[in-house]
Each structure stands twice: as C-alpha cells, then as structure tokens.
Amino acid sequence: MIFSAPVKIPPRIYLPLLLALAIGLSVGGLFLWQIKQSVSTIESSFKANTTPTLLQRILPGKPRITPDSAMQSQALMELRQGEIFELKGEWKLAQNEYAQSVESGGGTPALKKLASIQLQRRDYDGAGITIDTLKRENKDSDDVMLLEGILSLRKGDTSTAISIFNRKPDSPQAMYGLALVSIVQADHEKAKQYLLKATESGDPAIRGTAAVILEAYNEFALFPEGQATHLATLLARALAQVNECETALVLTAPVIAAEPRYRDAWIVQGFCEFTTERTKEALASLEQAYSLDPAKAEIQYFLARTHAALGDPQNAVTFLQYAILNGFEPERDARELLADYARELGNTDLALEQYKLIAESKDGDLDSFKRYIDLAIGIPNRSLDALALAKTALQKYPDDADALTLTAKAALAAGLPEDAQKYIESALKIDPKSKDAASVQEAIRKAGLVQ
C-alpha cells in the first residue's frame, strides 16, 4: 500500500482497509452491541415486554395486544432479516425490518436495532424517539445510555454526551463513549486510556470494538516520527470499521485539506460518505481516490455501489467487472451485485453467467443454484441449461427436498413432465409439508401433463 504522506509505511504493516470494510459494512460497535443478543434472550424479551411498542405510541388508539407465539416468530424473523440487510449495507431496508419487528412486539432487542440504524442513517429525530422509548423500558441499561450519548455526540453536543457517559463512568459503554469524545477533541492520551480500560471489559462486544480502535494507536506507535495526518487516517480507518463513520469524517476532512493526494484518506472518506448516505459526496471522494490509484479493486467496488445508488447501473456494472478482474474479495459479493445490476439493465446473459459462477464456486449454496434456475427457466432456449445446473445441484444435495423441488421445476420448464413428477414425488417423501414442492406439484397438475 503506497501512501502520499511524508512518512512512508511498509505495505506489510497495513491491514487491508477496504477488504475488512466490504466484508463488514455494517459490523460496528452499535451493531455488535445488538448482535450479541441470542435468540433465547430475544424470545424472552418478547414474552416479558408489556409496555406499548414505539409504533403503538406513534399510532394512538390501537388496542394493546400481547404478542402470541406467532407474533413473536414474526418479530424474530423481521429482526433477522434486518440484520441481513444491515450486513449488506442496505440501511433503509434494514430500518424498515427493524421497525416492523418493533410493531410485531419485538421489544427491547428490536428497539435497540432500530435506534442503531437510525443513528447510522442520521435520522436523529427518529433515533431520539426510539431511545426515549428504550429509556422508559430499560431505565438503567448501559447500552441505552451509550445510544443516548452517541446521539448527542452525533448531533455535535459534546458536553451533553460527556454528561451522559459520566452517569456511569466505570461502565464499559461509558469508557467507549468517552474514548470517542476524546478522539473528537484530539486528546489521544485520554482516548487510549479509555480504550485500554474498555478492552479489559467482560463485555466481548465493547472489548472487540475498543480493540479495533486501539490497534490504530498501536500501529501509529511503530513510527515515532509519524505525522498527525497519518494518525488521523489510521483512526478514521478503524472508526469506519466499527461503524463510527461520523467521527471518522471529522478526522478525514483536515487530513485531505492538508494532503490532497492522500489516497487512503479519500478512500475512508468516500466509504463513510457512502455508508451514511451522502451519495453524491461519496462519488466525488471515491473518484479522487480512483484518480490516485485506478487499479485498486476496493475503490472500484465502492464506486460501483455508489453509481448504483445514484441510479446509474451501467457504470456500476463496469466498475464491478473491473473490481472482479483486479481480485476483489469477497468475490461472491461482487458477483451477486453484478448480477443484480445486469438484470436491472436487462442483460440476463451477464446475470446468468454470474449466478452460474457463484453456484459452481467452492462456497456455492443451494440458493445460488436457485437464483440461476429461477431466471433461466423464464428465458427462451435456456430451460435446458437450467435443468443441467439443477442436476448439478442435486448431485451436491442428493437427499435435499429443496434441491429435488428445484430440479422438478426445471424439468417442467424444459418440457419433461414425467421427470418433473418423479423429482417432486421424491421431494414430498422427504418433506411432505414442503409448500414449494406442493406448489410445483400443483403446477404439473394444472398443466395437465401428468395425471
């Protein structure tokens, strides 16, 4: 990795910035504090929660309904779907799922998730309402205190943030929050002290998050003559890795003003602008990074994401193809996005190519086979290709009802109803309650192709 800062840093020192960011777009402090909740904890919260949910307060007049088992299951499903969207960096979709989970009776875990994603999206009014609800239900919670303090910090009210964290100054959450304040104030000695204490916490989430930021200080210590811009960029990178992009952006702006050709500062700034939905600003920053290093796969990947967010799938496809050629990892993520953007452009051949490469790769799963087959069976002259890949999936998952159902669907599309019926009968023997298998069987009957 080449820096334009006066201190030249050997490439072996640096962790791959954008690789970590691509893998963990939404893996950050607030996300970690929430993901630690186990399914059993969530379910117990559903049962114990008797306070009206946030959306019930917003929509007065709705009768209070105690969540039954079906509602609990729905709330849990929505929570998990929100986490999947968050991992993919689909912030708006994640927020919608968390709000639905709250409405379904998801209780404290869903409210915490909703608050954290509202902070990520800079929906500070919404975050304030959610945090107030959490405070009423969890008055003494350290996690809620942290959310409240970070909200004040994000709004630029540093003194209030300090006051909030000082309510429980010895808690790991307060240590972490005060470390963020110290970084903003450029009091790095204090920041290191707070982070060091946080890494000794029994809370694995706080411990891990603090360790990521502390490592930036440790890395900088290897260079006694290192400049302030170098430290700021290292800290911004670490903060971006833990979803503290608002604080990271405070650090990158003066670095870029002082050293406009500092590639890594532009990368961090562009990434953080993208993840906080400052899309036009992200495009400008990433284009600056690209002008300094046009062959870097991670820059190309995020340029593709940014162009797509701006409604330009053609440029998104181009940059993703470059990123894959230049060895972007994880490759599957890039290929899945490339297929999505290709479909948006109507380029089904390119989309099918990506789905097939994913399905046949070492980490290909049944869902990746399904994406190819579902697309191919709707395209003239591609149904036999779909059937061939379905048979490959069946070889990999010979006793899986879903694989048999998928093969039956492909056989039916290829004009082989007898084969389709055999596959679907086998699927129903393995899983008689399979709704997908029953649907395919009904399609065969409606087509009148077999009795």
Protein backbone atom coordinates (compact mmCIF):
# COMPACT_ATOMS: atom_id res chain seq x y z
CA MET A 1 0.00 0.00 0.00
CA ILE A 2 1.52 3.35 -1.03
CA PHE A 3 0.89 6.50 0.96
CA SER A 4 1.50 10.05 -0.13
CA ALA A 5 2.16 11.16 3.45
CA PRO A 6 5.73 12.17 4.23
CA VAL A 7 6.17 9.05 6.37
CA LYS A 8 6.31 6.04 4.05
CA ILE A 9 4.67 3.00 5.54
CA PRO A 10 5.73 -0.52 4.50
CA PRO A 11 2.80 -2.37 2.92
CA ARG A 12 3.15 -5.30 5.30
CA ILE A 13 2.12 -3.10 8.20
CA TYR A 14 -1.32 -2.31 6.93
CA LEU A 15 -4.41 -4.42 7.25
CA PRO A 16 -6.38 -4.43 4.02
CA LEU A 17 -8.68 -1.48 4.63
CA LEU A 18 -11.45 -1.98 2.17
CA LEU A 19 -11.46 -5.79 2.44
CA ALA A 20 -12.49 -5.50 6.05
CA LEU A 21 -14.97 -2.77 5.14
CA ALA A 22 -16.52 -4.78 2.29
CA ILE A 23 -16.95 -7.84 4.49
CA GLY A 24 -18.38 -5.87 7.35
CA LEU A 25 -20.25 -2.86 6.04
CA SER A 26 -22.45 -2.92 8.99
CA VAL A 27 -20.16 -4.65 11.50
CA GLY A 28 -19.62 -1.90 14.00
CA GLY A 29 -19.85 -1.01 17.60
CA LEU A 30 -23.57 -0.40 17.70
CA PHE A 31 -24.21 -3.46 15.53
CA LEU A 32 -22.02 -5.60 17.80
CA TRP A 33 -23.80 -4.41 20.92
CA GLN A 34 -27.06 -5.61 19.45
CA ILE A 35 -25.98 -8.81 17.66
CA LYS A 36 -24.78 -10.30 20.95
CA GLN A 37 -28.44 -10.87 21.88
CA SER A 38 -29.15 -14.57 21.50
CA VAL A 39 -32.38 -15.96 20.15
CA SER A 40 -33.37 -17.07 23.62
CA THR A 41 -32.83 -13.59 25.00
CA ILE A 42 -34.91 -12.10 22.21
CA GLU A 43 -37.72 -14.54 22.75
CA SER A 44 -37.75 -13.98 26.50
CA SER A 45 -37.89 -10.26 25.85
CA PHE A 46 -40.93 -10.79 23.64
CA LYS A 47 -42.69 -12.62 26.45
CA ALA A 48 -41.72 -10.14 29.16
CA ASN A 49 -42.47 -6.95 27.27
CA THR A 50 -45.77 -5.49 28.42
CA THR A 51 -45.09 -1.85 27.54
CA PRO A 52 -46.67 -0.50 24.32
CA THR A 53 -44.22 -0.56 21.45
CA LEU A 54 -42.86 2.54 19.75
CA LEU A 55 -45.18 2.30 16.76
CA GLN A 56 -48.17 1.76 19.03
CA ARG A 57 -47.34 5.03 20.75
CA ILE A 58 -46.96 6.81 17.42
CA LEU A 59 -50.32 5.43 16.27
CA PRO A 60 -52.62 6.01 19.29
CA GLY A 61 -55.90 4.21 19.55
CA LYS A 62 -54.61 0.76 18.62
CA PRO A 63 -55.60 -1.74 21.32
CA ARG A 64 -52.74 -3.32 23.24
CA ILE A 65 -52.15 -6.84 22.03
CA THR A 66 -49.87 -9.14 23.98
CA PRO A 67 -47.63 -10.89 21.42
CA ASP A 68 -48.58 -14.51 20.93
CA SER A 69 -46.19 -17.15 19.63
CA ALA A 70 -46.98 -16.31 16.01
CA MET A 71 -46.23 -12.62 16.56
CA GLN A 72 -43.01 -13.50 18.38
CA SER A 73 -41.93 -15.63 15.46
CA GLN A 74 -42.77 -12.83 13.02
CA ALA A 75 -40.87 -10.26 15.08
CA LEU A 76 -37.83 -12.52 15.29
CA MET A 77 -37.92 -13.18 11.54
CA GLU A 78 -38.09 -9.43 10.82
CA LEU A 79 -35.21 -8.80 13.21
CA ARG A 80 -33.03 -11.38 11.48
CA GLN A 81 -33.96 -10.07 8.04
CA GLY A 82 -32.99 -6.58 9.18
CA GLU A 83 -29.60 -7.89 10.28
CA ILE A 84 -29.08 -9.44 6.84
CA PHE A 85 -29.88 -6.15 5.13
CA GLU A 86 -27.58 -4.34 7.56
CA LEU A 87 -24.71 -6.70 6.77
CA LYS A 88 -25.22 -5.92 3.08
CA GLY A 89 -25.22 -2.18 3.76
CA GLU A 90 -28.90 -1.86 2.81
CA TRP A 91 -29.63 0.61 5.59
CA LYS A 92 -33.13 1.70 4.58
CA LEU A 93 -34.35 -1.86 4.14
CA ALA A 94 -32.80 -2.79 7.48
CA GLN A 95 -34.56 0.10 9.20
CA ASN A 96 -37.89 -0.96 7.71
CA GLU A 97 -37.45 -4.51 9.02
CA TYR A 98 -36.47 -3.34 12.50
CA ALA A 99 -39.49 -1.02 12.62
CA GLN A 100 -41.73 -3.93 11.61
CA SER A 101 -40.13 -6.08 14.31
CA VAL A 102 -40.92 -3.38 16.87
CA GLU A 103 -44.51 -3.26 15.66
CA SER A 104 -44.76 -7.07 15.90
CA GLY A 105 -43.77 -6.96 19.57
CA GLY A 106 -40.00 -7.34 19.23
CA GLY A 107 -39.41 -5.43 22.45
CA THR A 108 -36.03 -4.14 23.60
CA PRO A 109 -33.80 -6.00 21.09
CA ALA A 110 -35.78 -4.65 18.14
CA LEU A 111 -35.84 -1.13 19.58
CA LYS A 112 -32.06 -1.18 20.05
CA LYS A 113 -31.57 -2.31 16.48
CA LEU A 114 -33.93 0.38 15.25
CA ALA A 115 -32.10 3.08 17.23
CA SER A 116 -28.69 2.00 15.97
CA ILE A 117 -29.73 2.01 12.31
CA GLN A 118 -31.45 5.39 12.73
CA LEU A 119 -28.17 6.76 14.07
CA GLN A 120 -26.34 5.22 11.11
CA ARG A 121 -28.76 6.90 8.69
CA ARG A 122 -28.57 10.22 10.58
CA ASP A 123 -32.27 10.05 11.39
CA TYR A 124 -31.62 11.79 14.68
CA ASP A 125 -35.24 12.75 15.38
CA GLY A 126 -36.34 9.14 14.90
CA ALA A 127 -33.42 7.87 16.97
CA GLY A 128 -34.37 10.25 19.78
CA ILE A 129 -37.94 8.88 19.87
CA THR A 130 -36.70 5.29 19.87
CA ILE A 131 -34.14 5.96 22.60
CA ASP A 132 -36.78 7.67 24.75
CA THR A 133 -38.90 4.53 24.43
CA LEU A 134 -35.92 2.40 25.41
CA LYS A 135 -35.23 4.62 28.42
CA ARG A 136 -38.76 4.13 29.68
CA GLU A 137 -38.46 0.37 29.34
CA ASN A 138 -34.78 -0.01 30.35
CA LYS A 139 -34.05 2.92 32.65
CA ASP A 140 -30.69 1.68 33.94
CA SER A 141 -29.38 -0.01 30.79
CA ASP A 142 -25.75 0.77 29.94
CA ASP A 143 -26.42 0.03 26.27
CA VAL A 144 -29.25 2.56 26.17
CA MET A 145 -27.02 5.12 27.90
CA LEU A 146 -24.44 4.57 25.17
CA LEU A 147 -27.03 5.07 22.41
CA GLU A 148 -28.21 8.26 24.10
CA GLY A 149 -24.65 9.57 24.46
CA ILE A 150 -23.73 8.78 20.88
CA LEU A 151 -26.87 10.56 19.68
CA SER A 152 -25.69 13.72 21.45
CA LEU A 153 -22.18 13.27 20.06
CA ARG A 154 -23.50 12.81 16.52
CA LYS A 155 -25.53 15.99 16.87
CA GLY A 156 -22.40 17.89 17.90
CA ASP A 157 -23.44 18.32 21.54
CA THR A 158 -20.20 17.09 23.10
CA SER A 159 -20.85 18.47 26.58
CA THR A 160 -24.17 16.63 26.85
CA ALA A 161 -22.54 13.43 25.58
CA ILE A 162 -19.88 13.69 28.30
CA SER A 163 -22.56 14.29 30.92
CA ILE A 164 -24.48 11.20 29.77
CA PHE A 165 -21.39 8.96 29.80
CA ASN A 166 -20.41 10.24 33.24
CA ARG A 167 -23.63 8.87 34.72
CA LYS A 168 -21.83 5.52 34.87
CA PRO A 169 -18.20 6.40 34.26
CA ASP A 170 -16.89 2.95 35.16
CA SER A 171 -19.09 1.02 32.73
CA PRO A 172 -17.50 -0.36 29.54
CA GLN A 173 -20.06 1.52 27.45
CA ALA A 174 -19.12 4.82 29.12
CA MET A 175 -15.41 4.10 28.61
CA TYR A 176 -16.02 3.54 24.92
CA GLY A 177 -18.19 6.65 24.61
CA LEU A 178 -15.67 8.84 26.41
CA ALA A 179 -12.95 7.47 24.13
CA LEU A 180 -14.94 8.68 21.11
CA VAL A 181 -15.30 12.10 22.71
CA SER A 182 -11.55 12.24 23.37
CA ILE A 183 -10.79 11.33 19.76
CA VAL A 184 -13.04 14.13 18.53
CA GLN A 185 -11.25 16.51 20.89
CA ALA A 186 -7.84 15.20 19.73
CA ASP A 187 -6.98 14.20 23.30
CA HIS A 188 -5.34 10.97 22.25
CA GLU A 189 -3.73 10.11 25.55
CA LYS A 190 -7.11 10.11 27.25
CA ALA A 191 -8.63 8.20 24.35
CA LYS A 192 -6.01 5.46 24.70
CA GLN A 193 -6.61 5.22 28.45
CA TYR A 194 -10.35 4.85 27.99
CA LEU A 195 -9.93 2.31 25.18
CA LEU A 196 -7.44 0.29 27.21
CA LYS A 197 -9.94 0.06 30.08
CA ALA A 198 -12.71 -0.87 27.65
CA THR A 199 -10.61 -3.73 26.24
CA GLU A 200 -10.44 -5.19 29.74
CA SER A 201 -14.24 -5.33 29.92
CA GLY A 202 -16.14 -8.55 30.35
CA ASP A 203 -18.43 -7.40 27.53
CA PRO A 204 -16.98 -9.05 24.39
CA ALA A 205 -18.70 -6.60 22.06
CA ILE A 206 -17.27 -3.50 23.72
CA ARG A 207 -13.93 -5.23 24.18
CA GLY A 208 -13.66 -6.11 20.50
CA THR A 209 -14.78 -2.71 19.24
CA ALA A 210 -12.39 -0.83 21.51
CA ALA A 211 -9.55 -3.14 20.45
CA VAL A 212 -10.04 -2.25 16.77
CA ILE A 213 -9.63 1.47 17.51
CA LEU A 214 -6.79 0.93 19.99
CA GLU A 215 -4.90 -1.01 17.33
CA ALA A 216 -4.74 2.17 15.24
CA TYR A 217 -2.84 3.84 18.07
CA ASN A 218 -0.57 0.80 18.41
CA GLU A 219 0.17 0.85 14.70
CA PHE A 220 1.00 4.53 14.77
CA ALA A 221 3.37 3.95 17.71
CA LEU A 222 5.62 1.94 15.37
CA PHE A 223 6.58 5.24 13.74
CA PRO A 224 7.89 7.70 16.35
CA GLU A 225 8.24 10.42 13.72
CA GLY A 226 4.82 9.82 12.21
CA GLN A 227 2.73 12.85 11.40
CA ALA A 228 -0.67 13.79 12.76
CA THR A 229 -2.29 13.18 9.37
CA HIS A 230 -1.08 9.59 9.47
CA LEU A 231 -2.59 9.02 12.93
CA ALA A 232 -5.87 10.66 11.90
CA THR A 233 -6.13 8.40 8.84
CA LEU A 234 -5.39 5.27 10.85
CA LEU A 235 -8.02 6.24 13.42
CA ALA A 236 -10.55 7.11 10.71
CA ARG A 237 -10.00 3.71 9.11
CA ALA A 238 -10.56 1.93 12.44
CA LEU A 239 -13.64 4.01 13.22
CA ALA A 240 -15.07 3.20 9.80
CA GLN A 241 -14.57 -0.49 10.52
CA VAL A 242 -16.78 -0.21 13.61
CA ASN A 243 -19.46 1.99 12.03
CA GLU A 244 -18.38 5.21 13.71
CA CYS A 245 -18.26 7.00 10.39
CA GLU A 246 -19.46 10.35 11.69
CA THR A 247 -16.39 10.55 13.90
CA ALA A 248 -14.20 9.23 11.08
CA LEU A 249 -15.38 12.04 8.80
CA VAL A 250 -14.38 14.62 11.40
CA LEU A 251 -10.84 13.24 11.10
CA THR A 252 -10.52 12.84 7.33
CA ALA A 253 -11.56 16.38 6.37
CA PRO A 254 -8.46 18.16 7.80
CA VAL A 255 -6.18 15.38 6.52
CA ILE A 256 -7.39 15.86 2.95
CA ALA A 257 -7.15 19.64 3.29
CA ALA A 258 -3.51 19.28 4.33
CA GLU A 259 -2.60 16.46 1.93
CA PRO A 260 -4.98 16.36 -1.05
CA ARG A 261 -3.16 13.37 -2.62
CA TYR A 262 -3.51 11.11 0.44
CA ARG A 263 -5.26 8.19 -1.23
CA ASP A 264 -6.28 6.30 1.91
CA ALA A 265 -7.89 9.36 3.45
CA TRP A 266 -10.01 9.75 0.31
CA ILE A 267 -10.96 6.06 0.46
CA VAL A 268 -12.09 6.25 4.08
CA GLN A 269 -13.96 9.47 3.45
CA GLY A 270 -15.71 8.07 0.38
CA PHE A 271 -16.63 4.86 2.17
CA CYS A 272 -18.05 6.74 5.15
CA GLU A 273 -19.98 9.14 2.95
CA PHE A 274 -21.45 6.17 1.11
CA THR A 275 -22.45 4.29 4.26
CA THR A 276 -24.03 7.41 5.79
CA GLU A 277 -26.00 8.02 2.57
CA ARG A 278 -24.11 11.11 1.40
CA THR A 279 -24.05 9.54 -2.03
CA LYS A 280 -23.03 12.48 -4.22
CA GLU A 281 -20.23 13.38 -1.84
CA ALA A 282 -19.12 9.73 -1.81
CA LEU A 283 -18.88 9.72 -5.61
CA ALA A 284 -16.62 12.78 -5.58
CA SER A 285 -14.36 11.33 -2.87
CA LEU A 286 -14.08 7.89 -4.47
CA GLU A 287 -13.35 9.43 -7.86
CA GLN A 288 -10.47 11.30 -6.22
CA ALA A 289 -9.20 8.01 -4.78
CA TYR A 290 -9.61 6.36 -8.20
CA SER A 291 -7.59 9.10 -9.89
CA LEU A 292 -4.76 8.35 -7.45
CA ASP A 293 -4.97 4.55 -7.79
CA PRO A 294 -7.17 3.41 -10.73
CA ALA A 295 -6.28 -0.29 -10.32
CA LYS A 296 -7.37 -0.75 -6.71
CA ALA A 297 -10.26 -3.22 -6.63
CA GLU A 298 -11.83 -1.89 -3.43
CA ILE A 299 -12.14 1.62 -4.85
CA GLN A 300 -13.77 0.19 -7.97
CA TYR A 301 -16.19 -1.87 -5.88
CA PHE A 302 -17.41 1.12 -3.89
CA LEU A 303 -17.57 3.28 -6.99
CA ALA A 304 -19.90 0.64 -8.42
CA ARG A 305 -22.06 0.70 -5.29
CA THR A 306 -22.18 4.49 -5.39
CA HIS A 307 -23.12 4.67 -9.07
CA ALA A 308 -25.88 2.14 -8.45
CA ALA A 309 -27.22 4.20 -5.55
CA LEU A 310 -27.28 7.21 -7.88
CA GLY A 311 -29.35 5.30 -10.44
CA ASP A 312 -26.53 4.51 -12.88
CA PRO A 313 -26.40 0.69 -13.19
CA GLN A 314 -24.32 0.82 -16.38
CA ASN A 315 -21.36 2.42 -14.62
CA ALA A 316 -21.99 0.12 -11.68
CA VAL A 317 -21.60 -2.92 -13.96
CA THR A 318 -18.42 -1.53 -15.50
CA PHE A 319 -16.71 -0.84 -12.18
CA LEU A 320 -17.76 -4.18 -10.70
CA GLN A 321 -16.25 -6.00 -13.67
CA TYR A 322 -13.01 -4.10 -13.11
CA ALA A 323 -13.10 -4.90 -9.40
CA ILE A 324 -13.52 -8.64 -10.05
CA LEU A 325 -10.72 -8.64 -12.62
CA ASN A 326 -8.48 -6.91 -10.08
CA GLY A 327 -9.13 -9.57 -7.45
CA PHE A 328 -11.78 -8.02 -5.22
CA GLU A 329 -12.65 -10.15 -2.20
CA PRO A 330 -15.12 -11.42 -1.23
CA GLU A 331 -15.66 -12.18 -4.91
CA ARG A 332 -19.12 -13.62 -4.35
CA ASP A 333 -20.42 -10.29 -3.04
CA ALA A 334 -19.19 -8.53 -6.15
CA ARG A 335 -20.65 -11.14 -8.50
CA GLU A 336 -24.04 -11.08 -6.77
CA LEU A 337 -24.19 -7.31 -7.12
CA LEU A 338 -23.02 -7.54 -10.73
CA ALA A 339 -25.86 -9.96 -11.48
CA ASP A 340 -28.38 -7.63 -9.83
CA TYR A 341 -27.20 -4.60 -11.80
CA ALA A 342 -27.06 -6.62 -15.03
CA ARG A 343 -30.67 -7.69 -14.56
CA GLU A 344 -31.63 -4.07 -13.98
CA LEU A 345 -30.11 -3.30 -17.37
CA GLY A 346 -31.86 -6.25 -18.99
CA ASN A 347 -28.57 -8.08 -19.56
CA THR A 348 -29.79 -11.51 -18.48
CA ASP A 349 -26.86 -13.32 -20.12
CA LEU A 350 -24.40 -11.48 -17.87
CA ALA A 351 -26.60 -12.10 -14.84
CA LEU A 352 -26.86 -15.82 -15.61
CA GLU A 353 -23.09 -16.01 -16.07
CA GLN A 354 -22.55 -14.55 -12.59
CA TYR A 355 -25.13 -16.78 -10.92
CA LYS A 356 -23.62 -19.86 -12.51
CA LEU A 357 -20.10 -18.92 -11.44
CA ILE A 358 -21.32 -18.40 -7.89
CA ALA A 359 -23.25 -21.70 -7.86
CA GLU A 360 -20.28 -23.68 -9.17
CA SER A 361 -17.78 -22.00 -6.85
CA LYS A 362 -16.39 -23.60 -3.72
CA ASP A 363 -18.81 -21.71 -1.48
CA GLY A 364 -21.82 -22.05 -3.77
CA ASP A 365 -25.01 -22.99 -1.93
CA LEU A 366 -28.47 -24.11 -2.96
CA ASP A 367 -29.75 -20.53 -3.02
CA SER A 368 -27.15 -19.65 -5.64
CA PHE A 369 -28.36 -22.53 -7.83
CA LYS A 370 -31.94 -21.35 -7.31
CA ARG A 371 -31.18 -17.80 -8.48
CA TYR A 372 -29.77 -19.11 -11.77
CA ILE A 373 -32.58 -21.60 -12.34
CA ASP A 374 -35.42 -19.21 -11.50
CA LEU A 375 -34.05 -16.71 -14.00
CA ALA A 376 -33.13 -19.22 -16.72
CA ILE A 377 -36.48 -21.03 -16.87
CA GLY A 378 -38.18 -17.80 -17.85
CA ILE A 379 -35.89 -17.21 -20.83
CA PRO A 380 -36.48 -18.92 -24.19
CA ASN A 381 -33.93 -21.61 -25.01
CA ARG A 382 -32.37 -21.53 -21.52
CA SER A 383 -34.61 -24.08 -19.78
CA LEU A 384 -32.29 -26.98 -20.65
CA ASP A 385 -29.39 -25.02 -19.18
CA ALA A 386 -31.47 -24.58 -16.03
CA LEU A 387 -32.15 -28.30 -15.87
CA ALA A 388 -28.47 -29.14 -16.32
CA LEU A 389 -27.49 -26.88 -13.42
CA ALA A 390 -30.36 -28.24 -11.32
CA LYS A 391 -28.96 -31.73 -11.79
CA THR A 392 -25.58 -30.44 -10.65
CA ALA A 393 -27.25 -29.08 -7.53
CA LEU A 394 -28.95 -32.45 -7.00
CA GLN A 395 -25.59 -34.21 -7.15
CA LYS A 396 -24.36 -31.87 -4.44
CA TYR A 397 -27.55 -32.17 -2.33
CA PRO A 398 -28.96 -35.62 -3.28
CA ASP A 399 -31.30 -36.00 -0.30
CA ASP A 400 -32.48 -32.42 -0.06
CA ALA A 401 -36.18 -31.79 -0.69
CA ASP A 402 -35.49 -28.26 -1.91
CA ALA A 403 -32.92 -29.49 -4.44
CA LEU A 404 -35.37 -32.09 -5.74
CA THR A 405 -38.11 -29.45 -5.96
CA LEU A 406 -35.78 -27.14 -7.87
CA THR A 407 -34.93 -29.92 -10.31
CA ALA A 408 -38.61 -30.73 -10.77
CA LYS A 409 -39.33 -27.08 -11.57
CA ALA A 410 -36.52 -27.03 -14.14
CA ALA A 411 -37.66 -30.32 -15.69
CA LEU A 412 -41.20 -28.99 -16.02
CA ALA A 413 -39.94 -25.82 -17.72
CA ALA A 414 -37.85 -27.97 -20.07
CA GLY A 415 -40.94 -29.92 -21.19
CA LEU A 416 -40.20 -33.10 -19.24
CA PRO A 417 -43.28 -33.51 -17.04
CA GLU A 418 -42.72 -37.18 -16.25
CA ASP A 419 -39.26 -36.42 -14.91
CA ALA A 420 -40.65 -33.44 -13.02
CA GLN A 421 -43.26 -35.67 -11.37
CA LYS A 422 -40.61 -38.18 -10.27
CA TYR A 423 -38.49 -35.48 -8.71
CA ILE A 424 -41.43 -33.90 -6.93
CA GLU A 425 -42.62 -37.22 -5.55
CA SER A 426 -39.16 -37.79 -4.11
CA ALA A 427 -39.18 -34.31 -2.62
CA LEU A 428 -42.52 -34.87 -0.93
CA LYS A 429 -41.37 -38.19 0.51
CA ILE A 430 -38.52 -36.34 2.24
CA ASP A 431 -40.63 -33.34 3.26
CA PRO A 432 -44.39 -33.96 2.92
CA LYS A 433 -45.13 -30.46 4.27
CA SER A 434 -42.97 -28.59 1.75
CA LYS A 435 -45.03 -25.72 0.37
CA ASP A 436 -42.64 -25.24 -2.56
CA ALA A 437 -42.91 -28.89 -3.54
CA ALA A 438 -46.70 -28.77 -3.27
CA SER A 439 -46.74 -25.67 -5.47
CA VAL A 440 -44.68 -27.36 -8.18
CA GLN A 441 -46.83 -30.46 -7.98
CA GLU A 442 -49.92 -28.31 -8.43
CA ALA A 443 -48.31 -26.63 -11.45
CA ILE A 444 -47.74 -30.03 -13.04
CA ARG A 445 -51.36 -31.00 -12.46
CA LYS A 446 -52.74 -27.70 -13.77
CA ALA A 447 -50.67 -28.07 -16.90
CA GLY A 448 -52.46 -31.37 -17.45
CA LEU A 449 -49.20 -33.01 -18.33
CA VAL A 450 -49.48 -35.91 -15.92
CA GLN A 451 -52.38 -37.49 -14.03
